[in-house]
């Protein structure tokens, strides 16, 4: 599943959907809005159609590079408060090493190439987060 959405998501529900008897490892990454230098909230914007296509490409790359059976990516957009979820990656594989490696690969590729931008909003005003396309606050 690939999703760019304004809706919150239930981590446990996603994990339950990914779980299968043949998967010995489910690795998750959860990115959240962090209270950094007076940040109170973050506005996350995306070129949605291109972001979904790029996330699908990244998922497909993970399947080609690693022996994994499941890759789910959910990225939120909109105004999010400190502590709210931005990004969820769930990778399922037969063994933990492959699942960890694929999850890290997916995260780094998202940060490099997905057209999603973050603006921090807080007591010091607003500023676009420089230097990476995404990353979910991580």
N, C-alpha and C. Protein backbone atom coordinates (compact mmCIF):
# COMPACT_ATOMS: atom_id res chain seq x y z
N UNK A 1 0.84 -1.18 0.00
CA UNK A 1 0.00 0.00 0.00
C UNK A 1 0.88 1.24 0.00
N UNK A 2 0.54 2.16 -0.83
CA UNK A 2 1.20 3.46 -0.91
C UNK A 2 0.11 4.50 -0.73
N UNK A 3 0.37 5.48 0.16
CA UNK A 3 -0.64 6.49 0.40
C UNK A 3 0.01 7.82 0.77
N UNK A 4 -0.49 8.89 0.16
CA UNK A 4 -0.20 10.26 0.58
C UNK A 4 -1.54 10.83 0.98
N UNK A 5 -1.70 11.14 2.26
CA UNK A 5 -3.03 11.43 2.79
C UNK A 5 -2.99 12.51 3.87
N UNK A 6 -4.12 13.17 4.04
CA UNK A 6 -4.29 14.11 5.15
C UNK A 6 -4.78 13.39 6.40
N UNK A 7 -5.25 12.17 6.24
CA UNK A 7 -5.83 11.40 7.34
C UNK A 7 -4.75 10.78 8.23
N UNK A 8 -5.02 10.73 9.53
CA UNK A 8 -4.15 10.02 10.45
C UNK A 8 -4.28 8.52 10.17
N UNK A 9 -3.36 7.75 10.67
CA UNK A 9 -3.40 6.30 10.45
C UNK A 9 -3.13 5.58 11.76
N UNK A 10 -3.59 4.35 11.81
CA UNK A 10 -3.43 3.48 12.98
C UNK A 10 -2.29 2.51 12.69
N UNK A 11 -1.18 2.68 13.40
CA UNK A 11 0.00 1.86 13.17
C UNK A 11 -0.31 0.39 13.36
N UNK A 12 -1.00 0.06 14.44
CA UNK A 12 -1.31 -1.35 14.72
C UNK A 12 -2.19 -1.96 13.64
N UNK A 13 -3.12 -1.20 13.11
CA UNK A 13 -3.98 -1.71 12.04
C UNK A 13 -3.16 -2.01 10.79
N UNK A 14 -2.21 -1.14 10.47
CA UNK A 14 -1.35 -1.38 9.31
C UNK A 14 -0.51 -2.63 9.53
N UNK A 15 0.09 -2.75 10.71
CA UNK A 15 0.91 -3.93 11.01
C UNK A 15 0.08 -5.20 10.88
N UNK A 16 -1.14 -5.18 11.39
CA UNK A 16 -2.00 -6.36 11.29
C UNK A 16 -2.31 -6.71 9.83
N UNK A 17 -2.43 -5.71 8.98
CA UNK A 17 -2.69 -5.97 7.56
C UNK A 17 -1.46 -6.54 6.85
N UNK A 18 -0.27 -6.16 7.30
CA UNK A 18 0.97 -6.62 6.67
C UNK A 18 1.36 -8.02 7.17
N UNK A 19 1.04 -8.35 8.41
CA UNK A 19 1.44 -9.63 9.00
C UNK A 19 0.97 -10.81 8.17
N UNK A 20 1.88 -11.79 8.03
CA UNK A 20 1.58 -13.05 7.36
C UNK A 20 2.40 -14.15 8.03
N UNK A 21 1.96 -15.38 7.98
CA UNK A 21 2.69 -16.47 8.63
C UNK A 21 4.11 -16.68 8.10
N UNK A 22 4.37 -16.32 6.83
CA UNK A 22 5.70 -16.53 6.25
C UNK A 22 6.67 -15.38 6.52
N UNK A 23 6.23 -14.32 7.19
CA UNK A 23 7.10 -13.19 7.50
C UNK A 23 7.58 -13.28 8.94
N UNK A 24 8.87 -13.48 9.11
CA UNK A 24 9.43 -13.57 10.44
C UNK A 24 9.83 -12.21 11.00
N UNK A 25 9.83 -11.18 10.15
CA UNK A 25 10.24 -9.84 10.60
C UNK A 25 9.35 -8.78 9.98
N UNK A 26 8.85 -7.91 10.82
CA UNK A 26 8.18 -6.69 10.38
C UNK A 26 8.93 -5.52 11.01
N UNK A 27 9.52 -4.71 10.18
CA UNK A 27 10.27 -3.54 10.66
C UNK A 27 9.45 -2.31 10.32
N UNK A 28 9.29 -1.44 11.31
CA UNK A 28 8.54 -0.21 11.09
C UNK A 28 9.40 1.00 11.38
N UNK A 29 9.15 2.06 10.63
CA UNK A 29 9.72 3.36 10.91
C UNK A 29 8.56 4.32 11.04
N UNK A 30 8.55 5.08 12.11
CA UNK A 30 7.53 6.10 12.30
C UNK A 30 8.21 7.45 12.45
N UNK A 31 7.90 8.37 11.54
CA UNK A 31 8.40 9.74 11.63
C UNK A 31 7.31 10.61 12.23
N UNK A 32 7.71 11.48 13.16
CA UNK A 32 6.77 12.38 13.84
C UNK A 32 7.28 13.81 13.80
N UNK A 33 6.39 14.76 14.05
CA UNK A 33 6.78 16.16 14.17
C UNK A 33 7.46 16.32 15.52
N UNK A 34 8.67 16.83 15.50
CA UNK A 34 9.41 17.01 16.75
C UNK A 34 9.43 18.48 17.15
N UNK A 35 9.46 18.72 18.45
CA UNK A 35 9.56 20.06 18.99
C UNK A 35 11.03 20.46 18.95
N UNK A 36 11.41 21.12 17.89
CA UNK A 36 12.81 21.48 17.68
C UNK A 36 12.89 22.99 17.52
N UNK A 37 13.64 23.64 18.40
CA UNK A 37 13.84 25.09 18.31
C UNK A 37 12.53 25.86 18.24
N UNK A 38 11.61 25.55 19.12
CA UNK A 38 10.37 26.30 19.21
C UNK A 38 9.31 25.91 18.21
N UNK A 39 9.49 24.81 17.50
CA UNK A 39 8.50 24.37 16.52
C UNK A 39 7.24 23.93 17.25
N UNK A 40 6.09 24.43 16.80
CA UNK A 40 4.80 24.06 17.37
C UNK A 40 4.00 23.18 16.43
N UNK A 41 4.24 23.35 15.14
CA UNK A 41 3.55 22.52 14.15
C UNK A 41 4.36 22.53 12.87
N UNK A 42 3.95 21.67 11.95
CA UNK A 42 4.61 21.59 10.67
C UNK A 42 3.54 21.50 9.58
N UNK A 43 3.78 22.23 8.52
CA UNK A 43 2.91 22.11 7.35
C UNK A 43 3.65 21.26 6.32
N UNK A 44 3.03 20.17 5.90
CA UNK A 44 3.63 19.25 4.95
C UNK A 44 2.84 19.34 3.65
N UNK A 45 3.55 19.63 2.55
CA UNK A 45 2.93 19.76 1.25
C UNK A 45 3.54 18.75 0.30
N UNK A 46 2.75 18.33 -0.69
CA UNK A 46 3.25 17.36 -1.66
C UNK A 46 2.68 17.66 -3.04
N UNK A 47 3.44 17.33 -4.04
CA UNK A 47 2.94 17.22 -5.39
C UNK A 47 2.42 15.78 -5.44
N UNK A 48 1.18 15.61 -5.05
CA UNK A 48 0.61 14.31 -4.68
C UNK A 48 0.76 13.24 -5.76
N UNK A 49 0.38 13.54 -6.99
CA UNK A 49 0.43 12.52 -8.04
C UNK A 49 1.86 12.03 -8.26
N UNK A 50 2.80 12.95 -8.30
CA UNK A 50 4.20 12.59 -8.52
C UNK A 50 4.74 11.89 -7.27
N UNK A 51 4.34 12.34 -6.09
CA UNK A 51 4.81 11.71 -4.86
C UNK A 51 4.37 10.25 -4.80
N UNK A 52 3.13 9.98 -5.14
CA UNK A 52 2.64 8.59 -5.13
C UNK A 52 3.42 7.75 -6.13
N UNK A 53 3.63 8.27 -7.32
CA UNK A 53 4.39 7.51 -8.33
C UNK A 53 5.81 7.24 -7.85
N UNK A 54 6.44 8.23 -7.24
CA UNK A 54 7.81 8.06 -6.75
C UNK A 54 7.86 7.06 -5.59
N UNK A 55 6.88 7.11 -4.70
CA UNK A 55 6.81 6.12 -3.62
C UNK A 55 6.63 4.71 -4.17
N UNK A 56 5.81 4.58 -5.22
CA UNK A 56 5.64 3.27 -5.86
C UNK A 56 6.96 2.78 -6.46
N UNK A 57 7.70 3.69 -7.08
CA UNK A 57 9.01 3.34 -7.65
C UNK A 57 9.96 2.89 -6.55
N UNK A 58 9.98 3.60 -5.45
CA UNK A 58 10.86 3.25 -4.33
C UNK A 58 10.48 1.88 -3.77
N UNK A 59 9.18 1.64 -3.62
CA UNK A 59 8.72 0.33 -3.16
C UNK A 59 9.20 -0.77 -4.11
N UNK A 60 9.04 -0.55 -5.40
CA UNK A 60 9.46 -1.53 -6.40
C UNK A 60 10.97 -1.76 -6.35
N UNK A 61 11.74 -0.69 -6.15
CA UNK A 61 13.19 -0.83 -6.00
C UNK A 61 13.53 -1.69 -4.79
N UNK A 62 12.82 -1.49 -3.69
CA UNK A 62 13.08 -2.28 -2.48
C UNK A 62 12.82 -3.76 -2.75
N UNK A 63 11.74 -4.05 -3.48
CA UNK A 63 11.45 -5.45 -3.84
C UNK A 63 12.56 -6.04 -4.70
N UNK A 64 13.14 -5.24 -5.59
CA UNK A 64 14.20 -5.73 -6.47
C UNK A 64 15.52 -5.92 -5.74
N UNK A 65 15.82 -5.04 -4.79
CA UNK A 65 17.13 -5.06 -4.12
C UNK A 65 17.20 -5.98 -2.90
N UNK A 66 16.07 -6.24 -2.28
CA UNK A 66 16.05 -6.98 -1.02
C UNK A 66 15.03 -8.11 -1.10
N UNK A 67 15.29 -9.22 -0.40
CA UNK A 67 14.31 -10.32 -0.37
C UNK A 67 13.20 -10.03 0.64
N UNK A 68 12.34 -9.07 0.28
CA UNK A 68 11.23 -8.68 1.15
C UNK A 68 9.92 -9.04 0.47
N UNK A 69 8.88 -9.21 1.28
CA UNK A 69 7.58 -9.61 0.76
C UNK A 69 6.52 -8.52 0.87
N UNK A 70 6.80 -7.49 1.66
CA UNK A 70 5.82 -6.42 1.86
C UNK A 70 6.55 -5.10 2.11
N UNK A 71 6.05 -4.04 1.47
CA UNK A 71 6.53 -2.68 1.72
C UNK A 71 5.32 -1.76 1.67
N UNK A 72 4.99 -1.18 2.80
CA UNK A 72 3.89 -0.21 2.89
C UNK A 72 4.47 1.14 3.27
N UNK A 73 3.98 2.19 2.62
CA UNK A 73 4.44 3.55 2.91
C UNK A 73 3.21 4.45 2.98
N UNK A 74 3.08 5.15 4.12
CA UNK A 74 2.02 6.14 4.29
C UNK A 74 2.69 7.46 4.67
N UNK A 75 2.42 8.51 3.91
CA UNK A 75 2.99 9.83 4.21
C UNK A 75 1.84 10.81 4.35
N UNK A 76 1.81 11.51 5.46
CA UNK A 76 0.75 12.50 5.68
C UNK A 76 1.16 13.86 5.14
N UNK A 77 0.15 14.64 4.81
CA UNK A 77 0.32 16.03 4.42
C UNK A 77 -0.68 16.86 5.22
N UNK A 78 -0.48 18.17 5.20
CA UNK A 78 -1.37 19.07 5.94
C UNK A 78 -0.65 19.66 7.14
N UNK A 79 -1.44 20.31 8.01
CA UNK A 79 -0.89 20.92 9.23
C UNK A 79 -0.88 19.89 10.35
N UNK A 80 0.30 19.63 10.88
CA UNK A 80 0.47 18.61 11.91
C UNK A 80 1.14 19.23 13.12
N UNK A 81 0.64 18.87 14.28
CA UNK A 81 1.20 19.38 15.54
C UNK A 81 2.36 18.50 16.01
N UNK A 82 3.14 19.05 16.93
CA UNK A 82 4.25 18.30 17.53
C UNK A 82 3.71 16.98 18.07
N UNK A 83 4.42 15.90 17.75
CA UNK A 83 4.05 14.57 18.21
C UNK A 83 3.17 13.80 17.23
N UNK A 84 2.57 14.51 16.26
CA UNK A 84 1.72 13.80 15.29
C UNK A 84 2.58 13.02 14.30
N UNK A 85 1.98 11.95 13.76
CA UNK A 85 2.66 11.08 12.81
C UNK A 85 2.70 11.73 11.43
N UNK A 86 3.87 11.58 10.78
CA UNK A 86 4.04 12.07 9.42
C UNK A 86 4.23 10.90 8.45
N UNK A 87 5.11 9.99 8.80
CA UNK A 87 5.52 8.95 7.85
C UNK A 87 5.54 7.60 8.54
N UNK A 88 4.97 6.60 7.88
CA UNK A 88 5.04 5.22 8.34
C UNK A 88 5.55 4.35 7.21
N UNK A 89 6.60 3.59 7.51
CA UNK A 89 7.12 2.59 6.58
C UNK A 89 7.05 1.26 7.32
N UNK A 90 6.46 0.26 6.69
CA UNK A 90 6.43 -1.09 7.25
C UNK A 90 6.98 -2.03 6.19
N UNK A 91 8.00 -2.79 6.57
CA UNK A 91 8.63 -3.74 5.66
C UNK A 91 8.55 -5.12 6.28
N UNK A 92 8.09 -6.09 5.50
CA UNK A 92 8.00 -7.47 5.96
C UNK A 92 8.92 -8.36 5.16
N UNK A 93 9.64 -9.23 5.87
CA UNK A 93 10.57 -10.16 5.23
C UNK A 93 10.65 -11.43 6.07
N UNK A 94 11.31 -12.41 5.51
CA UNK A 94 11.50 -13.64 6.24
C UNK A 94 12.41 -13.48 7.45
N UNK A 95 13.38 -12.56 7.34
CA UNK A 95 14.37 -12.37 8.39
C UNK A 95 14.60 -10.88 8.65
N UNK A 96 15.03 -10.56 9.85
CA UNK A 96 15.16 -9.16 10.28
C UNK A 96 16.20 -8.37 9.50
N UNK A 97 17.32 -8.98 9.15
CA UNK A 97 18.38 -8.24 8.47
C UNK A 97 17.86 -7.61 7.18
N UNK A 98 17.15 -8.41 6.38
CA UNK A 98 16.63 -7.91 5.11
C UNK A 98 15.57 -6.84 5.34
N UNK A 99 14.73 -7.04 6.35
CA UNK A 99 13.68 -6.06 6.63
C UNK A 99 14.27 -4.73 7.09
N UNK A 100 15.27 -4.77 7.98
CA UNK A 100 15.91 -3.52 8.42
C UNK A 100 16.60 -2.81 7.26
N UNK A 101 17.34 -3.56 6.45
CA UNK A 101 18.07 -2.95 5.34
C UNK A 101 17.10 -2.31 4.34
N UNK A 102 16.02 -3.01 4.02
CA UNK A 102 15.05 -2.46 3.08
C UNK A 102 14.35 -1.23 3.64
N UNK A 103 14.00 -1.25 4.92
CA UNK A 103 13.33 -0.11 5.54
C UNK A 103 14.24 1.13 5.50
N UNK A 104 15.51 0.95 5.84
CA UNK A 104 16.44 2.08 5.78
C UNK A 104 16.59 2.59 4.35
N UNK A 105 16.68 1.68 3.40
CA UNK A 105 16.77 2.07 2.00
C UNK A 105 15.56 2.92 1.59
N UNK A 106 14.37 2.45 1.91
CA UNK A 106 13.14 3.16 1.56
C UNK A 106 13.16 4.57 2.18
N UNK A 107 13.50 4.67 3.45
CA UNK A 107 13.53 5.98 4.11
C UNK A 107 14.51 6.93 3.43
N UNK A 108 15.71 6.47 3.16
CA UNK A 108 16.70 7.35 2.54
C UNK A 108 16.27 7.77 1.13
N UNK A 109 15.68 6.87 0.37
CA UNK A 109 15.20 7.21 -0.97
C UNK A 109 14.05 8.22 -0.91
N UNK A 110 13.18 8.07 0.07
CA UNK A 110 12.09 9.06 0.23
C UNK A 110 12.68 10.44 0.46
N UNK A 111 13.66 10.52 1.35
CA UNK A 111 14.27 11.80 1.66
C UNK A 111 14.96 12.42 0.45
N UNK A 112 15.44 11.58 -0.47
CA UNK A 112 16.16 12.07 -1.64
C UNK A 112 15.25 12.55 -2.76
N UNK A 113 14.13 11.87 -2.97
CA UNK A 113 13.49 12.09 -4.27
C UNK A 113 11.99 12.34 -4.28
N UNK A 114 11.31 12.22 -3.17
CA UNK A 114 9.86 12.37 -3.21
C UNK A 114 9.50 13.86 -3.04
N UNK A 115 8.66 14.42 -3.93
CA UNK A 115 8.32 15.84 -3.85
C UNK A 115 7.34 16.14 -2.72
N UNK A 116 7.89 16.12 -1.51
CA UNK A 116 7.15 16.47 -0.29
C UNK A 116 8.01 17.47 0.46
N UNK A 117 7.39 18.58 0.89
CA UNK A 117 8.14 19.65 1.54
C UNK A 117 7.53 19.94 2.90
N UNK A 118 8.41 20.35 3.83
CA UNK A 118 7.99 20.61 5.21
C UNK A 118 8.31 22.05 5.59
N UNK A 119 7.30 22.70 6.18
CA UNK A 119 7.49 24.05 6.71
C UNK A 119 7.26 23.99 8.22
N UNK A 120 8.27 24.40 8.99
CA UNK A 120 8.13 24.46 10.44
C UNK A 120 7.46 25.78 10.83
N UNK A 121 6.54 25.69 11.78
CA UNK A 121 5.81 26.86 12.24
C UNK A 121 5.93 26.90 13.76
N UNK A 122 6.33 28.06 14.28
CA UNK A 122 6.50 28.14 15.73
C UNK A 122 6.61 29.56 16.20
N UNK A 123 7.13 29.70 17.42
CA UNK A 123 7.20 31.03 18.04
C UNK A 123 8.16 31.96 17.31
N UNK A 124 9.07 31.40 16.51
CA UNK A 124 10.00 32.23 15.75
C UNK A 124 9.55 32.50 14.33
N UNK A 125 8.33 32.13 14.00
CA UNK A 125 7.82 32.34 12.64
C UNK A 125 7.73 31.03 11.88
N UNK A 126 7.91 31.12 10.58
CA UNK A 126 7.80 29.97 9.70
C UNK A 126 9.08 29.84 8.89
N UNK A 127 9.47 28.57 8.62
CA UNK A 127 10.62 28.36 7.74
C UNK A 127 10.51 27.00 7.07
N UNK A 128 10.84 26.97 5.77
CA UNK A 128 10.88 25.71 5.04
C UNK A 128 12.10 24.94 5.49
N UNK A 129 11.94 23.64 5.67
CA UNK A 129 13.05 22.79 6.08
C UNK A 129 13.92 22.54 4.86
N UNK A 130 15.20 22.98 4.92
CA UNK A 130 16.08 22.83 3.76
C UNK A 130 16.73 21.46 3.68
N UNK A 131 17.20 21.13 2.48
CA UNK A 131 18.15 20.04 2.35
C UNK A 131 17.65 18.67 2.02
N UNK A 132 16.36 18.39 2.15
CA UNK A 132 15.87 17.07 1.77
C UNK A 132 14.41 17.19 1.35
N UNK A 133 14.01 16.24 0.51
CA UNK A 133 12.66 16.28 0.00
C UNK A 133 11.64 15.94 1.08
N UNK A 134 11.97 14.99 1.94
CA UNK A 134 11.00 14.56 2.93
C UNK A 134 11.74 14.05 4.16
N UNK A 135 11.26 12.93 4.71
CA UNK A 135 11.91 12.32 5.84
C UNK A 135 11.04 12.23 7.05
N UNK A 136 9.90 12.83 7.03
CA UNK A 136 8.95 12.63 8.11
C UNK A 136 9.39 13.15 9.45
N UNK A 137 10.27 14.15 9.48
CA UNK A 137 10.67 14.70 10.77
C UNK A 137 11.80 13.93 11.39
N UNK A 138 12.30 12.94 10.72
CA UNK A 138 13.36 12.10 11.30
C UNK A 138 14.72 12.69 11.02
